[in-house]
Amino acid sequence: MIRFNIFVMRVILGAVFAVILSRFFYPEANIIYVAGFGMFLVGMAYVLEYWRNRKTDKDKNKGVPYR
C-alpha cells in the first residue's frame, strides 16, 4: 500500500511539473508531449531511486570480505 501511495504521489508531482515546465519553456506544446514528459519524469524518479539504493548497498558491503 505504501508503494502505491508513493507511485501516486510521483505521478501527480510528475504531471504538475511537466505542465509547469512545458508551459514555461514551450507554451504551444501538445498535451501528448506534456504527458510523455510527465512519464519521463516519473521514470527518472524510479531510475534515480534505484541508482541511489544501489550505491548505498555497495557502501554497506565494503567492509565485508566474504559474502
N, C-alpha and C. Protein backbone atom coordinates (compact mmCIF):
# COMPACT_ATOMS: atom_id res chain seq x y z
N MET A 1 0.82 -1.19 0.00
CA MET A 1 0.00 0.00 0.00
C MET A 1 0.86 1.25 0.00
N ILE A 2 1.97 1.19 0.74
CA ILE A 2 2.85 2.36 0.81
C ILE A 2 3.48 2.61 -0.56
N ARG A 3 3.90 1.54 -1.25
CA ARG A 3 4.48 1.68 -2.59
C ARG A 3 3.49 2.33 -3.55
N PHE A 4 2.23 1.97 -3.45
CA PHE A 4 1.20 2.55 -4.32
C PHE A 4 1.04 4.04 -4.02
N ASN A 5 1.07 4.41 -2.73
CA ASN A 5 0.96 5.83 -2.37
C ASN A 5 2.13 6.63 -2.92
N ILE A 6 3.32 6.06 -2.87
CA ILE A 6 4.50 6.74 -3.41
C ILE A 6 4.36 6.89 -4.92
N PHE A 7 3.86 5.85 -5.58
CA PHE A 7 3.66 5.91 -7.03
C PHE A 7 2.66 7.00 -7.39
N VAL A 8 1.55 7.06 -6.68
CA VAL A 8 0.53 8.09 -6.95
C VAL A 8 1.10 9.48 -6.73
N MET A 9 1.86 9.66 -5.66
CA MET A 9 2.45 10.96 -5.39
C MET A 9 3.44 11.34 -6.49
N ARG A 10 4.23 10.39 -6.97
CA ARG A 10 5.17 10.68 -8.05
C ARG A 10 4.45 11.01 -9.34
N VAL A 11 3.36 10.32 -9.63
CA VAL A 11 2.60 10.61 -10.84
C VAL A 11 2.00 12.01 -10.78
N ILE A 12 1.44 12.37 -9.65
CA ILE A 12 0.85 13.70 -9.50
C ILE A 12 1.92 14.78 -9.62
N LEU A 13 3.03 14.61 -8.91
CA LEU A 13 4.10 15.60 -8.99
C LEU A 13 4.72 15.64 -10.39
N GLY A 14 4.87 14.50 -11.02
CA GLY A 14 5.39 14.47 -12.39
C GLY A 14 4.48 15.20 -13.35
N ALA A 15 3.17 15.02 -13.20
CA ALA A 15 2.22 15.73 -14.07
C ALA A 15 2.26 17.23 -13.83
N VAL A 16 2.30 17.64 -12.57
CA VAL A 16 2.33 19.07 -12.25
C VAL A 16 3.60 19.71 -12.80
N PHE A 17 4.75 19.11 -12.54
CA PHE A 17 6.00 19.69 -13.03
C PHE A 17 6.10 19.63 -14.55
N ALA A 18 5.54 18.60 -15.18
CA ALA A 18 5.56 18.53 -16.64
C ALA A 18 4.74 19.67 -17.23
N VAL A 19 3.58 19.95 -16.66
CA VAL A 19 2.76 21.04 -17.16
C VAL A 19 3.45 22.38 -16.95
N ILE A 20 3.99 22.60 -15.76
CA ILE A 20 4.64 23.88 -15.46
C ILE A 20 5.86 24.09 -16.36
N LEU A 21 6.72 23.10 -16.46
CA LEU A 21 7.93 23.26 -17.27
C LEU A 21 7.63 23.39 -18.76
N SER A 22 6.70 22.58 -19.25
CA SER A 22 6.39 22.66 -20.67
C SER A 22 5.70 23.98 -21.02
N ARG A 23 4.83 24.47 -20.16
CA ARG A 23 4.17 25.75 -20.44
C ARG A 23 5.14 26.92 -20.31
N PHE A 24 6.12 26.78 -19.45
CA PHE A 24 7.10 27.84 -19.28
C PHE A 24 8.06 27.92 -20.47
N PHE A 25 8.58 26.76 -20.91
CA PHE A 25 9.58 26.76 -21.97
C PHE A 25 8.99 26.61 -23.36
N TYR A 26 7.84 25.95 -23.49
CA TYR A 26 7.25 25.71 -24.80
C TYR A 26 5.72 25.80 -24.67
N PRO A 27 5.18 27.01 -24.67
CA PRO A 27 3.75 27.19 -24.40
C PRO A 27 2.81 26.53 -25.41
N GLU A 28 3.28 26.31 -26.65
CA GLU A 28 2.41 25.71 -27.67
C GLU A 28 2.44 24.19 -27.66
N ALA A 29 3.02 23.58 -26.65
CA ALA A 29 3.19 22.12 -26.63
C ALA A 29 1.85 21.41 -26.61
N ASN A 30 1.78 20.33 -27.36
CA ASN A 30 0.60 19.48 -27.41
C ASN A 30 0.50 18.69 -26.10
N ILE A 31 -0.70 18.33 -25.70
CA ILE A 31 -0.92 17.62 -24.44
C ILE A 31 -0.25 16.24 -24.45
N ILE A 32 -0.10 15.65 -25.63
CA ILE A 32 0.57 14.35 -25.74
C ILE A 32 2.04 14.47 -25.33
N TYR A 33 2.69 15.54 -25.76
CA TYR A 33 4.09 15.75 -25.40
C TYR A 33 4.23 16.03 -23.90
N VAL A 34 3.29 16.76 -23.35
CA VAL A 34 3.32 17.05 -21.91
C VAL A 34 3.15 15.75 -21.11
N ALA A 35 2.23 14.88 -21.56
CA ALA A 35 2.03 13.60 -20.88
C ALA A 35 3.28 12.72 -21.00
N GLY A 36 3.91 12.73 -22.16
CA GLY A 36 5.15 11.97 -22.33
C GLY A 36 6.26 12.49 -21.44
N PHE A 37 6.34 13.80 -21.31
CA PHE A 37 7.34 14.40 -20.43
C PHE A 37 7.06 14.03 -18.97
N GLY A 38 5.78 13.98 -18.59
CA GLY A 38 5.42 13.56 -17.23
C GLY A 38 5.82 12.12 -16.97
N MET A 39 5.60 11.24 -17.95
CA MET A 39 6.02 9.84 -17.79
C MET A 39 7.53 9.73 -17.70
N PHE A 40 8.23 10.56 -18.47
CA PHE A 40 9.69 10.58 -18.40
C PHE A 40 10.15 10.98 -17.00
N LEU A 41 9.53 12.00 -16.42
CA LEU A 41 9.91 12.46 -15.09
C LEU A 41 9.67 11.37 -14.04
N VAL A 42 8.54 10.68 -14.13
CA VAL A 42 8.25 9.60 -13.17
C VAL A 42 9.25 8.46 -13.36
N GLY A 43 9.55 8.12 -14.59
CA GLY A 43 10.53 7.07 -14.85
C GLY A 43 11.90 7.42 -14.32
N MET A 44 12.30 8.68 -14.50
CA MET A 44 13.60 9.11 -13.99
C MET A 44 13.63 9.08 -12.46
N ALA A 45 12.50 9.33 -11.82
CA ALA A 45 12.46 9.24 -10.36
C ALA A 45 12.77 7.82 -9.91
N TYR A 46 12.23 6.82 -10.61
CA TYR A 46 12.50 5.43 -10.25
C TYR A 46 13.93 5.03 -10.59
N VAL A 47 14.45 5.51 -11.71
CA VAL A 47 15.83 5.20 -12.07
C VAL A 47 16.80 5.78 -11.04
N LEU A 48 16.58 7.02 -10.64
CA LEU A 48 17.47 7.64 -9.66
C LEU A 48 17.33 7.00 -8.29
N GLU A 49 16.13 6.53 -7.93
CA GLU A 49 15.97 5.82 -6.66
C GLU A 49 16.74 4.50 -6.68
N TYR A 50 16.66 3.79 -7.79
CA TYR A 50 17.40 2.53 -7.93
C TYR A 50 18.91 2.79 -7.84
N TRP A 51 19.36 3.83 -8.52
CA TRP A 51 20.78 4.17 -8.53
C TRP A 51 21.27 4.55 -7.13
N ARG A 52 20.47 5.33 -6.40
CA ARG A 52 20.84 5.72 -5.04
C ARG A 52 20.90 4.50 -4.13
N ASN A 53 19.92 3.61 -4.22
CA ASN A 53 19.91 2.41 -3.37
C ASN A 53 21.05 1.46 -3.72
N ARG A 54 21.40 1.39 -4.97
CA ARG A 54 22.50 0.52 -5.39
C ARG A 54 23.82 1.04 -4.84
N LYS A 55 24.01 2.34 -4.83
CA LYS A 55 25.23 2.92 -4.30
C LYS A 55 25.33 2.71 -2.79
N THR A 56 24.22 2.84 -2.06
CA THR A 56 24.28 2.65 -0.62
C THR A 56 24.49 1.18 -0.28
N ASP A 57 23.96 0.26 -1.07
CA ASP A 57 24.19 -1.16 -0.83
C ASP A 57 25.67 -1.51 -1.03
N LYS A 58 26.31 -0.92 -2.02
CA LYS A 58 27.73 -1.17 -2.23
C LYS A 58 28.54 -0.66 -1.05
N ASP A 59 28.18 0.51 -0.54
CA ASP A 59 28.91 1.10 0.58
C ASP A 59 28.76 0.25 1.84
N LYS A 60 27.61 -0.36 2.04
CA LYS A 60 27.39 -1.20 3.21
C LYS A 60 28.26 -2.46 3.17
N ASN A 61 28.50 -2.98 1.97
CA ASN A 61 29.22 -4.24 1.84
C ASN A 61 30.72 -4.06 1.63
N LYS A 62 31.24 -2.85 1.73
CA LYS A 62 32.66 -2.65 1.50
C LYS A 62 33.53 -3.34 2.54
N GLY A 63 33.11 -3.35 3.78
CA GLY A 63 33.95 -3.92 4.84
C GLY A 63 33.82 -5.41 4.97
N VAL A 64 32.94 -6.04 4.23
CA VAL A 64 32.72 -7.48 4.35
C VAL A 64 33.58 -8.18 3.30
N PRO A 65 34.62 -8.95 3.73
CA PRO A 65 35.49 -9.58 2.74
C PRO A 65 34.82 -10.76 2.03
N TYR A 66 33.96 -11.50 2.73
CA TYR A 66 33.30 -12.66 2.14
C TYR A 66 31.80 -12.51 2.32
N ARG A 67 31.11 -12.90 1.32
CA ARG A 67 29.66 -12.76 1.39
C ARG A 67 29.01 -14.04 1.01
